[in-house]
mmCIF file of all heavy atoms, coordinates in Angstrom:
data_MODEL
# 
_entry.id   MODEL 
# 
loop_
_atom_site.group_PDB 
_atom_site.id 
_atom_site.type_symbol 
_atom_site.label_atom_id 
_atom_site.label_alt_id 
_atom_site.label_comp_id 
_atom_site.label_asym_id 
_atom_site.label_entity_id 
_atom_site.label_seq_id 
_atom_site.pdbx_PDB_ins_code 
_atom_site.Cartn_x 
_atom_site.Cartn_y 
_atom_site.Cartn_z 
_atom_site.occupancy 
_atom_site.B_iso_or_equiv 
_atom_site.pdbx_formal_charge 
_atom_site.auth_seq_id 
_atom_site.auth_comp_id 
_atom_site.auth_asym_id 
_atom_site.auth_atom_id 
_atom_site.pdbx_PDB_model_num 
ATOM 1   N N   . THR A 1 1  ? 110.006 104.807 98.397  1.00 0.00 ? 1  THR A N   1 
ATOM 2   C CA  . THR A 1 1  ? 108.830 105.602 98.036  1.00 0.00 ? 1  THR A CA  1 
ATOM 3   C C   . THR A 1 1  ? 107.553 104.762 97.993  1.00 0.00 ? 1  THR A C   1 
ATOM 4   O O   . THR A 1 1  ? 106.447 105.306 98.042  1.00 0.00 ? 1  THR A O   1 
ATOM 5   C CB  . THR A 1 1  ? 109.052 106.280 96.679  1.00 0.00 ? 1  THR A CB  1 
ATOM 6   O OG1 . THR A 1 1  ? 109.543 105.308 95.737  1.00 0.00 ? 1  THR A OG1 1 
ATOM 7   C CG2 . THR A 1 1  ? 110.076 107.409 96.789  1.00 0.00 ? 1  THR A CG2 1 
ATOM 8   N N   . ASP A 1 2  ? 107.705 103.418 97.903  1.00 0.00 ? 2  ASP A N   1 
ATOM 9   C CA  . ASP A 1 2  ? 106.522 102.541 97.913  1.00 0.00 ? 2  ASP A CA  1 
ATOM 10  C C   . ASP A 1 2  ? 105.901 102.441 99.304  1.00 0.00 ? 2  ASP A C   1 
ATOM 11  O O   . ASP A 1 2  ? 104.754 102.008 99.436  1.00 0.00 ? 2  ASP A O   1 
ATOM 12  C CB  . ASP A 1 2  ? 106.898 101.131 97.438  1.00 0.00 ? 2  ASP A CB  1 
ATOM 13  C CG  . ASP A 1 2  ? 107.381 101.094 96.000  1.00 0.00 ? 2  ASP A CG  1 
ATOM 14  O OD1 . ASP A 1 2  ? 106.976 101.985 95.230  1.00 0.00 ? 2  ASP A OD1 1 
ATOM 15  O OD2 . ASP A 1 2  ? 108.161 100.186 95.654  1.00 0.00 ? 2  ASP A OD2 1 
ATOM 16  N N   . HIS A 1 3  ? 106.648 102.801 100.324 1.00 0.00 ? 3  HIS A N   1 
ATOM 17  C CA  . HIS A 1 3  ? 106.202 102.598 101.702 1.00 0.00 ? 3  HIS A CA  1 
ATOM 18  C C   . HIS A 1 3  ? 106.081 103.917 102.464 1.00 0.00 ? 3  HIS A C   1 
ATOM 19  O O   . HIS A 1 3  ? 106.104 103.940 103.689 1.00 0.00 ? 3  HIS A O   1 
ATOM 20  C CB  . HIS A 1 3  ? 107.162 101.649 102.412 1.00 0.00 ? 3  HIS A CB  1 
ATOM 21  C CG  . HIS A 1 3  ? 107.281 100.318 101.731 1.00 0.00 ? 3  HIS A CG  1 
ATOM 22  N ND1 . HIS A 1 3  ? 106.381 99.295  101.927 1.00 0.00 ? 3  HIS A ND1 1 
ATOM 23  C CD2 . HIS A 1 3  ? 108.182 99.860  100.821 1.00 0.00 ? 3  HIS A CD2 1 
ATOM 24  C CE1 . HIS A 1 3  ? 106.731 98.254  101.179 1.00 0.00 ? 3  HIS A CE1 1 
ATOM 25  N NE2 . HIS A 1 3  ? 107.824 98.576  100.508 1.00 0.00 ? 3  HIS A NE2 1 
ATOM 26  N N   . MET A 1 4  ? 105.945 104.988 101.715 1.00 0.00 ? 4  MET A N   1 
ATOM 27  C CA  . MET A 1 4  ? 105.784 106.313 102.315 1.00 0.00 ? 4  MET A CA  1 
ATOM 28  C C   . MET A 1 4  ? 104.382 106.501 102.879 1.00 0.00 ? 4  MET A C   1 
ATOM 29  O O   . MET A 1 4  ? 103.408 105.992 102.311 1.00 0.00 ? 4  MET A O   1 
ATOM 30  C CB  . MET A 1 4  ? 106.012 107.385 101.244 1.00 0.00 ? 4  MET A CB  1 
ATOM 31  C CG  . MET A 1 4  ? 107.461 107.589 100.871 1.00 0.00 ? 4  MET A CG  1 
ATOM 32  S SD  . MET A 1 4  ? 108.266 108.576 102.108 1.00 0.00 ? 4  MET A SD  1 
ATOM 33  C CE  . MET A 1 4  ? 107.297 110.080 102.005 1.00 0.00 ? 4  MET A CE  1 
ATOM 34  N N   . PRO A 1 5  ? 104.260 107.232 103.965 1.00 0.00 ? 5  PRO A N   1 
ATOM 35  C CA  . PRO A 1 5  ? 102.911 107.643 104.395 1.00 0.00 ? 5  PRO A CA  1 
ATOM 36  C C   . PRO A 1 5  ? 102.374 108.686 103.421 1.00 0.00 ? 5  PRO A C   1 
ATOM 37  O O   . PRO A 1 5  ? 103.147 109.325 102.696 1.00 0.00 ? 5  PRO A O   1 
ATOM 38  C CB  . PRO A 1 5  ? 103.163 108.259 105.770 1.00 0.00 ? 5  PRO A CB  1 
ATOM 39  C CG  . PRO A 1 5  ? 104.567 108.783 105.694 1.00 0.00 ? 5  PRO A CG  1 
ATOM 40  C CD  . PRO A 1 5  ? 105.311 107.791 104.835 1.00 0.00 ? 5  PRO A CD  1 
ATOM 41  N N   . GLU A 1 6  ? 101.075 108.841 103.376 1.00 0.00 ? 6  GLU A N   1 
ATOM 42  C CA  . GLU A 1 6  ? 100.484 109.878 102.524 1.00 0.00 ? 6  GLU A CA  1 
ATOM 43  C C   . GLU A 1 6  ? 100.839 111.246 103.087 1.00 0.00 ? 6  GLU A C   1 
ATOM 44  O O   . GLU A 1 6  ? 100.593 111.531 104.258 1.00 0.00 ? 6  GLU A O   1 
ATOM 45  C CB  . GLU A 1 6  ? 98.973  109.704 102.453 1.00 0.00 ? 6  GLU A CB  1 
ATOM 46  C CG  . GLU A 1 6  ? 98.310  110.681 101.492 1.00 0.00 ? 6  GLU A CG  1 
ATOM 47  C CD  . GLU A 1 6  ? 96.831  110.407 101.325 1.00 0.00 ? 6  GLU A CD  1 
ATOM 48  O OE1 . GLU A 1 6  ? 96.360  109.378 101.842 1.00 0.00 ? 6  GLU A OE1 1 
ATOM 49  O OE2 . GLU A 1 6  ? 96.140  111.244 100.694 1.00 0.00 ? 6  GLU A OE2 1 
ATOM 50  N N   . LEU A 1 7  ? 101.425 112.068 102.245 1.00 0.00 ? 7  LEU A N   1 
ATOM 51  C CA  . LEU A 1 7  ? 101.902 113.375 102.700 1.00 0.00 ? 7  LEU A CA  1 
ATOM 52  C C   . LEU A 1 7  ? 100.778 114.404 102.660 1.00 0.00 ? 7  LEU A C   1 
ATOM 53  O O   . LEU A 1 7  ? 99.859  114.317 101.847 1.00 0.00 ? 7  LEU A O   1 
ATOM 54  C CB  . LEU A 1 7  ? 103.064 113.850 101.827 1.00 0.00 ? 7  LEU A CB  1 
ATOM 55  C CG  . LEU A 1 7  ? 104.332 112.997 101.841 1.00 0.00 ? 7  LEU A CG  1 
ATOM 56  C CD1 . LEU A 1 7  ? 105.377 113.561 100.870 1.00 0.00 ? 7  LEU A CD1 1 
ATOM 57  C CD2 . LEU A 1 7  ? 104.915 112.902 103.249 1.00 0.00 ? 7  LEU A CD2 1 
ATOM 58  N N   . THR A 1 8  ? 100.894 115.403 103.550 1.00 0.00 ? 8  THR A N   1 
ATOM 59  C CA  . THR A 1 8  ? 99.976  116.536 103.556 1.00 0.00 ? 8  THR A CA  1 
ATOM 60  C C   . THR A 1 8  ? 100.802 117.819 103.585 1.00 0.00 ? 8  THR A C   1 
ATOM 61  O O   . THR A 1 8  ? 102.021 117.792 103.782 1.00 0.00 ? 8  THR A O   1 
ATOM 62  C CB  . THR A 1 8  ? 99.041  116.514 104.783 1.00 0.00 ? 8  THR A CB  1 
ATOM 63  O OG1 . THR A 1 8  ? 99.798  116.870 105.952 1.00 0.00 ? 8  THR A OG1 1 
ATOM 64  C CG2 . THR A 1 8  ? 98.424  115.134 104.971 1.00 0.00 ? 8  THR A CG2 1 
ATOM 65  N N   . SER A 1 9  ? 100.138 118.930 103.433 1.00 0.00 ? 9  SER A N   1 
ATOM 66  C CA  . SER A 1 9  ? 100.829 120.219 103.431 1.00 0.00 ? 9  SER A CA  1 
ATOM 67  C C   . SER A 1 9  ? 101.396 120.582 104.798 1.00 0.00 ? 9  SER A C   1 
ATOM 68  O O   . SER A 1 9  ? 102.198 121.509 104.905 1.00 0.00 ? 9  SER A O   1 
ATOM 69  C CB  . SER A 1 9  ? 99.879  121.328 102.953 1.00 0.00 ? 9  SER A CB  1 
ATOM 70  O OG  . SER A 1 9  ? 98.733  121.393 103.788 1.00 0.00 ? 9  SER A OG  1 
ATOM 71  N N   . ASP A 1 10 ? 100.996 119.857 105.839 1.00 0.00 ? 10 ASP A N   1 
ATOM 72  C CA  . ASP A 1 10 ? 101.515 120.121 107.181 1.00 0.00 ? 10 ASP A CA  1 
ATOM 73  C C   . ASP A 1 10 ? 102.838 119.403 107.443 1.00 0.00 ? 10 ASP A C   1 
ATOM 74  O O   . ASP A 1 10 ? 103.476 119.632 108.467 1.00 0.00 ? 10 ASP A O   1 
ATOM 75  C CB  . ASP A 1 10 ? 100.500 119.696 108.251 1.00 0.00 ? 10 ASP A CB  1 
ATOM 76  C CG  . ASP A 1 10 ? 99.241  120.550 108.223 1.00 0.00 ? 10 ASP A CG  1 
ATOM 77  O OD1 . ASP A 1 10 ? 99.348  121.740 107.860 1.00 0.00 ? 10 ASP A OD1 1 
ATOM 78  O OD2 . ASP A 1 10 ? 98.164  120.023 108.550 1.00 0.00 ? 10 ASP A OD2 1 
ATOM 79  N N   . ASP A 1 11 ? 103.240 118.517 106.544 1.00 0.00 ? 11 ASP A N   1 
ATOM 80  C CA  . ASP A 1 11 ? 104.464 117.735 106.731 1.00 0.00 ? 11 ASP A CA  1 
ATOM 81  C C   . ASP A 1 11 ? 105.695 118.517 106.309 1.00 0.00 ? 11 ASP A C   1 
ATOM 82  O O   . ASP A 1 11 ? 105.624 119.419 105.458 1.00 0.00 ? 11 ASP A O   1 
ATOM 83  C CB  . ASP A 1 11 ? 104.406 116.438 105.915 1.00 0.00 ? 11 ASP A CB  1 
ATOM 84  C CG  . ASP A 1 11 ? 103.346 115.475 106.407 1.00 0.00 ? 11 ASP A CG  1 
ATOM 85  O OD1 . ASP A 1 11 ? 103.077 115.467 107.624 1.00 0.00 ? 11 ASP A OD1 1 
ATOM 86  O OD2 . ASP A 1 11 ? 102.781 114.742 105.574 1.00 0.00 ? 11 ASP A OD2 1 
ATOM 87  N N   . ILE A 1 12 ? 106.832 118.147 106.889 1.00 0.00 ? 12 ILE A N   1 
ATOM 88  C CA  . ILE A 1 12 ? 108.131 118.597 106.405 1.00 0.00 ? 12 ILE A CA  1 
ATOM 89  C C   . ILE A 1 12 ? 108.946 117.340 106.126 1.00 0.00 ? 12 ILE A C   1 
ATOM 90  O O   . ILE A 1 12 ? 108.963 116.406 106.937 1.00 0.00 ? 12 ILE A O   1 
ATOM 91  C CB  . ILE A 1 12 ? 108.835 119.532 107.402 1.00 0.00 ? 12 ILE A CB  1 
ATOM 92  C CG1 . ILE A 1 12 ? 110.108 120.103 106.793 1.00 0.00 ? 12 ILE A CG1 1 
ATOM 93  C CG2 . ILE A 1 12 ? 109.123 118.839 108.728 1.00 0.00 ? 12 ILE A CG2 1 
ATOM 94  C CD1 . ILE A 1 12 ? 110.718 121.243 107.606 1.00 0.00 ? 12 ILE A CD1 1 
ATOM 95  N N   . VAL A 1 13 ? 109.588 117.287 104.955 1.00 0.00 ? 13 VAL A N   1 
ATOM 96  C CA  . VAL A 1 13 ? 110.249 116.075 104.483 1.00 0.00 ? 13 VAL A CA  1 
ATOM 97  C C   . VAL A 1 13 ? 111.744 116.336 104.305 1.00 0.00 ? 13 VAL A C   1 
ATOM 98  O O   . VAL A 1 13 ? 112.139 117.360 103.740 1.00 0.00 ? 13 VAL A O   1 
ATOM 99  C CB  . VAL A 1 13 ? 109.645 115.599 103.142 1.00 0.00 ? 13 VAL A CB  1 
ATOM 100 C CG1 . VAL A 1 13 ? 110.306 114.311 102.671 1.00 0.00 ? 13 VAL A CG1 1 
ATOM 101 C CG2 . VAL A 1 13 ? 108.133 115.411 103.273 1.00 0.00 ? 13 VAL A CG2 1 
ATOM 102 N N   . TYR A 1 14 ? 112.555 115.386 104.784 1.00 0.00 ? 14 TYR A N   1 
ATOM 103 C CA  . TYR A 1 14 ? 113.991 115.399 104.547 1.00 0.00 ? 14 TYR A CA  1 
ATOM 104 C C   . TYR A 1 14 ? 114.361 114.062 103.915 1.00 0.00 ? 14 TYR A C   1 
ATOM 105 O O   . TYR A 1 14 ? 113.876 113.006 104.346 1.00 0.00 ? 14 TYR A O   1 
ATOM 106 C CB  . TYR A 1 14 ? 114.773 115.563 105.849 1.00 0.00 ? 14 TYR A CB  1 
ATOM 107 C CG  . TYR A 1 14 ? 114.469 116.818 106.629 1.00 0.00 ? 14 TYR A CG  1 
ATOM 108 C CD1 . TYR A 1 14 ? 113.447 116.833 107.581 1.00 0.00 ? 14 TYR A CD1 1 
ATOM 109 C CD2 . TYR A 1 14 ? 115.206 117.982 106.443 1.00 0.00 ? 14 TYR A CD2 1 
ATOM 110 C CE1 . TYR A 1 14 ? 113.172 117.981 108.315 1.00 0.00 ? 14 TYR A CE1 1 
ATOM 111 C CE2 . TYR A 1 14 ? 114.935 119.132 107.167 1.00 0.00 ? 14 TYR A CE2 1 
ATOM 112 C CZ  . TYR A 1 14 ? 113.913 119.130 108.100 1.00 0.00 ? 14 TYR A CZ  1 
ATOM 113 O OH  . TYR A 1 14 ? 113.639 120.264 108.813 1.00 0.00 ? 14 TYR A OH  1 
ATOM 114 N N   . THR A 1 15 ? 115.222 114.095 102.911 1.00 0.00 ? 15 THR A N   1 
ATOM 115 C CA  . THR A 1 15 ? 115.586 112.846 102.259 1.00 0.00 ? 15 THR A CA  1 
ATOM 116 C C   . THR A 1 15 ? 117.026 112.887 101.753 1.00 0.00 ? 15 THR A C   1 
ATOM 117 O O   . THR A 1 15 ? 117.527 113.951 101.369 1.00 0.00 ? 15 THR A O   1 
ATOM 118 C CB  . THR A 1 15 ? 114.625 112.525 101.090 1.00 0.00 ? 15 THR A CB  1 
ATOM 119 O OG1 . THR A 1 15 ? 115.020 111.306 100.465 1.00 0.00 ? 15 THR A OG1 1 
ATOM 120 C CG2 . THR A 1 15 ? 114.616 113.630 100.049 1.00 0.00 ? 15 THR A CG2 1 
ATOM 121 N N   . ALA A 1 16 ? 117.687 111.723 101.776 1.00 0.00 ? 16 ALA A N   1 
ATOM 122 C CA  . ALA A 1 16 ? 119.060 111.600 101.277 1.00 0.00 ? 16 ALA A CA  1 
ATOM 123 C C   . ALA A 1 16 ? 119.266 110.177 100.792 1.00 0.00 ? 16 ALA A C   1 
ATOM 124 O O   . ALA A 1 16 ? 118.745 109.226 101.388 1.00 0.00 ? 16 ALA A O   1 
ATOM 125 C CB  . ALA A 1 16 ? 120.070 111.941 102.371 1.00 0.00 ? 16 ALA A CB  1 
ATOM 126 N N   . GLY A 1 17 ? 120.018 110.057 99.705  1.00 0.00 ? 17 GLY A N   1 
ATOM 127 C CA  . GLY A 1 17 ? 120.290 108.725 99.159  1.00 0.00 ? 17 GLY A CA  1 
ATOM 128 C C   . GLY A 1 17 ? 120.378 108.762 97.649  1.00 0.00 ? 17 GLY A C   1 
ATOM 129 O O   . GLY A 1 17 ? 120.883 109.726 97.067  1.00 0.00 ? 17 GLY A O   1 
ATOM 130 N N   . ALA A 1 18 ? 119.869 107.725 97.013  1.00 0.00 ? 18 ALA A N   1 
ATOM 131 C CA  . ALA A 1 18 ? 119.941 107.611 95.557  1.00 0.00 ? 18 ALA A CA  1 
ATOM 132 C C   . ALA A 1 18 ? 119.249 108.799 94.898  1.00 0.00 ? 18 ALA A C   1 
ATOM 133 O O   . ALA A 1 18 ? 118.127 109.153 95.284  1.00 0.00 ? 18 ALA A O   1 
ATOM 134 C CB  . ALA A 1 18 ? 119.295 106.310 95.106  1.00 0.00 ? 18 ALA A CB  1 
ATOM 135 N N   . PRO A 1 19 ? 119.900 109.442 93.909  1.00 0.00 ? 19 PRO A N   1 
ATOM 136 C CA  . PRO A 1 19 ? 119.308 110.630 93.274  1.00 0.00 ? 19 PRO A CA  1 
ATOM 137 C C   . PRO A 1 19 ? 117.907 110.403 92.723  1.00 0.00 ? 19 PRO A C   1 
ATOM 138 O O   . PRO A 1 19 ? 117.049 111.279 92.842  1.00 0.00 ? 19 PRO A O   1 
ATOM 139 C CB  . PRO A 1 19 ? 120.306 110.962 92.160  1.00 0.00 ? 19 PRO A CB  1 
ATOM 140 C CG  . PRO A 1 19 ? 121.615 110.425 92.654  1.00 0.00 ? 19 PRO A CG  1 
ATOM 141 C CD  . PRO A 1 19 ? 121.266 109.179 93.417  1.00 0.00 ? 19 PRO A CD  1 
ATOM 142 N N   . ALA A 1 20 ? 117.664 109.224 92.117  1.00 0.00 ? 20 ALA A N   1 
ATOM 143 C CA  . ALA A 1 20 ? 116.328 108.966 91.568  1.00 0.00 ? 20 ALA A CA  1 
ATOM 144 C C   . ALA A 1 20 ? 115.279 108.958 92.670  1.00 0.00 ? 20 ALA A C   1 
ATOM 145 O O   . ALA A 1 20 ? 114.155 109.445 92.488  1.00 0.00 ? 20 ALA A O   1 
ATOM 146 C CB  . ALA A 1 20 ? 116.329 107.639 90.818  1.00 0.00 ? 20 ALA A CB  1 
ATOM 147 N N   . MET A 1 21 ? 115.645 108.416 93.825  1.00 0.00 ? 21 MET A N   1 
ATOM 148 C CA  . MET A 1 21 ? 114.714 108.357 94.951  1.00 0.00 ? 21 MET A CA  1 
ATOM 149 C C   . MET A 1 21 ? 114.428 109.745 95.506  1.00 0.00 ? 21 MET A C   1 
ATOM 150 O O   . MET A 1 21 ? 113.277 110.113 95.732  1.00 0.00 ? 21 MET A O   1 
ATOM 151 C CB  . MET A 1 21 ? 115.279 107.448 96.045  1.00 0.00 ? 21 MET A CB  1 
ATOM 152 C CG  . MET A 1 21 ? 114.355 107.238 97.240  1.00 0.00 ? 21 MET A CG  1 
ATOM 153 S SD  . MET A 1 21 ? 114.555 108.464 98.574  1.00 0.00 ? 21 MET A SD  1 
ATOM 154 C CE  . MET A 1 21 ? 116.174 108.041 99.207  1.00 0.00 ? 21 MET A CE  1 
ATOM 155 N N   . THR A 1 22 ? 115.478 110.542 95.717  1.00 0.00 ? 22 THR A N   1 
ATOM 156 C CA  . THR A 1 22 ? 115.271 111.871 96.297  1.00 0.00 ? 22 THR A CA  1 
ATOM 157 C C   . THR A 1 22 ? 114.488 112.767 95.344  1.00 0.00 ? 22 THR A C   1 
ATOM 158 O O   . THR A 1 22 ? 113.661 113.565 95.781  1.00 0.00 ? 22 THR A O   1 
ATOM 159 C CB  . THR A 1 22 ? 116.609 112.528 96.655  1.00 0.00 ? 22 THR A CB  1 
ATOM 160 O OG1 . THR A 1 22 ? 117.435 112.637 95.480  1.00 0.00 ? 22 THR A OG1 1 
ATOM 161 C CG2 . THR A 1 22 ? 117.356 111.697 97.695  1.00 0.00 ? 22 THR A CG2 1 
ATOM 162 N N   . LYS A 1 23 ? 114.737 112.620 94.059  1.00 0.00 ? 23 LYS A N   1 
ATOM 163 C CA  . LYS A 1 23 ? 113.995 113.433 93.082  1.00 0.00 ? 23 LYS A CA  1 
ATOM 164 C C   . LYS A 1 23 ? 112.520 113.046 93.065  1.00 0.00 ? 23 LYS A C   1 
ATOM 165 O O   . LYS A 1 23 ? 111.636 113.913 93.028  1.00 0.00 ? 23 LYS A O   1 
ATOM 166 C CB  . LYS A 1 23 ? 114.600 113.273 91.690  1.00 0.00 ? 23 LYS A CB  1 
ATOM 167 C CG  . LYS A 1 23 ? 113.967 114.170 90.648  1.00 0.00 ? 23 LYS A CG  1 
ATOM 168 C CD  . LYS A 1 23 ? 114.680 114.083 89.304  1.00 0.00 ? 23 LYS A CD  1 
ATOM 169 C CE  . LYS A 1 23 ? 114.062 115.036 88.286  1.00 0.00 ? 23 LYS A CE  1 
ATOM 170 N NZ  . LYS A 1 23 ? 114.756 114.963 86.969  1.00 0.00 ? 23 LYS A NZ  1 
ATOM 171 N N   . ALA A 1 24 ? 112.244 111.742 93.097  1.00 0.00 ? 24 ALA A N   1 
ATOM 172 C CA  . ALA A 1 24 ? 110.848 111.283 93.089  1.00 0.00 ? 24 ALA A CA  1 
ATOM 173 C C   . ALA A 1 24 ? 110.126 111.750 94.343  1.00 0.00 ? 24 ALA A C   1 
ATOM 174 O O   . ALA A 1 24 ? 108.967 112.183 94.286  1.00 0.00 ? 24 ALA A O   1 
ATOM 175 C CB  . ALA A 1 24 ? 110.803 109.763 92.986  1.00 0.00 ? 24 ALA A CB  1 
ATOM 176 N N   . LEU A 1 25 ? 110.815 111.700 95.465  1.00 0.00 ? 25 LEU A N   1 
ATOM 177 C CA  . LEU A 1 25 ? 110.189 112.120 96.718  1.00 0.00 ? 25 LEU A CA  1 
ATOM 178 C C   . LEU A 1 25 ? 109.937 113.626 96.740  1.00 0.00 ? 25 LEU A C   1 
ATOM 179 O O   . LEU A 1 25 ? 108.903 114.083 97.234  1.00 0.00 ? 25 LEU A O   1 
ATOM 180 C CB  . LEU A 1 25 ? 111.075 111.714 97.888  1.00 0.00 ? 25 LEU A CB  1 
ATOM 181 C CG  . LEU A 1 25 ? 110.503 111.948 99.283  1.00 0.00 ? 25 LEU A CG  1 
ATOM 182 C CD1 . LEU A 1 25 ? 109.135 111.298 99.425  1.00 0.00 ? 25 LEU A CD1 1 
ATOM 183 C CD2 . LEU A 1 25 ? 111.448 111.422 100.345 1.00 0.00 ? 25 LEU A CD2 1 
ATOM 184 N N   . ALA A 1 26 ? 110.883 114.396 96.187  1.00 0.00 ? 26 ALA A N   1 
ATOM 185 C CA  . ALA A 1 26 ? 110.690 115.844 96.118  1.00 0.00 ? 26 ALA A CA  1 
ATOM 186 C C   . ALA A 1 26 ? 109.458 116.184 95.283  1.00 0.00 ? 26 ALA A C   1 
ATOM 187 O O   . ALA A 1 26 ? 108.696 117.095 95.621  1.00 0.00 ? 26 ALA A O   1 
ATOM 188 C CB  . ALA A 1 26 ? 111.934 116.506 95.536  1.00 0.00 ? 26 ALA A CB  1 
ATOM 189 N N   . THR A 1 27 ? 109.248 115.439 94.205  1.00 0.00 ? 27 THR A N   1 
ATOM 190 C CA  . THR A 1 27 ? 108.074 115.660 93.359  1.00 0.00 ? 27 THR A CA  1 
ATOM 191 C C   . THR A 1 27 ? 106.791 115.318 94.112  1.00 0.00 ? 27 THR A C   1 
ATOM 192 O O   . THR A 1 27 ? 105.806 116.067 94.076  1.00 0.00 ? 27 THR A O   1 
ATOM 193 C CB  . THR A 1 27 ? 108.168 114.808 92.083  1.00 0.00 ? 27 THR A CB  1 
ATOM 194 O OG1 . THR A 1 27 ? 109.339 115.173 91.347  1.00 0.00 ? 27 THR A OG1 1 
ATOM 195 C CG2 . THR A 1 27 ? 106.944 115.002 91.204  1.00 0.00 ? 27 THR A CG2 1 
ATOM 196 N N   . THR A 1 28 ? 106.810 114.190 94.830  1.00 0.00 ? 28 THR A N   1 
ATOM 197 C CA  . THR A 1 28 ? 105.640 113.783 95.610  1.00 0.00 ? 28 THR A CA  1 
ATOM 198 C C   . THR A 1 28 ? 105.304 114.821 96.679  1.00 0.00 ? 28 THR A C   1 
ATOM 199 O O   . THR A 1 28 ? 104.136 115.164 96.892  1.00 0.00 ? 28 THR A O   1 
ATOM 200 C CB  . THR A 1 28 ? 105.900 112.421 96.274  1.00 0.00 ? 28 THR A CB  1 
ATOM 201 O OG1 . THR A 1 28 ? 106.176 111.453 95.267  1.00 0.00 ? 28 THR A OG1 1 
ATOM 202 C CG2 . THR A 1 28 ? 104.698 111.974 97.091  1.00 0.00 ? 28 THR A CG2 1 
ATOM 203 N N   . ALA A 1 29 ? 106.341 115.325 97.343  1.00 0.00 ? 29 ALA A N   1 
ATOM 204 C CA  . ALA A 1 29 ? 106.128 116.333 98.387  1.00 0.00 ? 29 ALA A CA  1 
ATOM 205 C C   . ALA A 1 29 ? 105.553 117.612 97.793  1.00 0.00 ? 29 ALA A C   1 
ATOM 206 O O   . ALA A 1 29 ? 104.650 118.231 98.374  1.00 0.00 ? 29 ALA A O   1 
ATOM 207 C CB  . ALA A 1 29 ? 107.440 116.612 99.111  1.00 0.00 ? 29 ALA A CB  1 
# 
């Protein structure tokens, strides 16, 4: 999550892995 591009509403995100990481990314999205 430290190296993510800045997300916009036009993006679609898929993620899998450590639960803490996927939860944090879902919140960011």
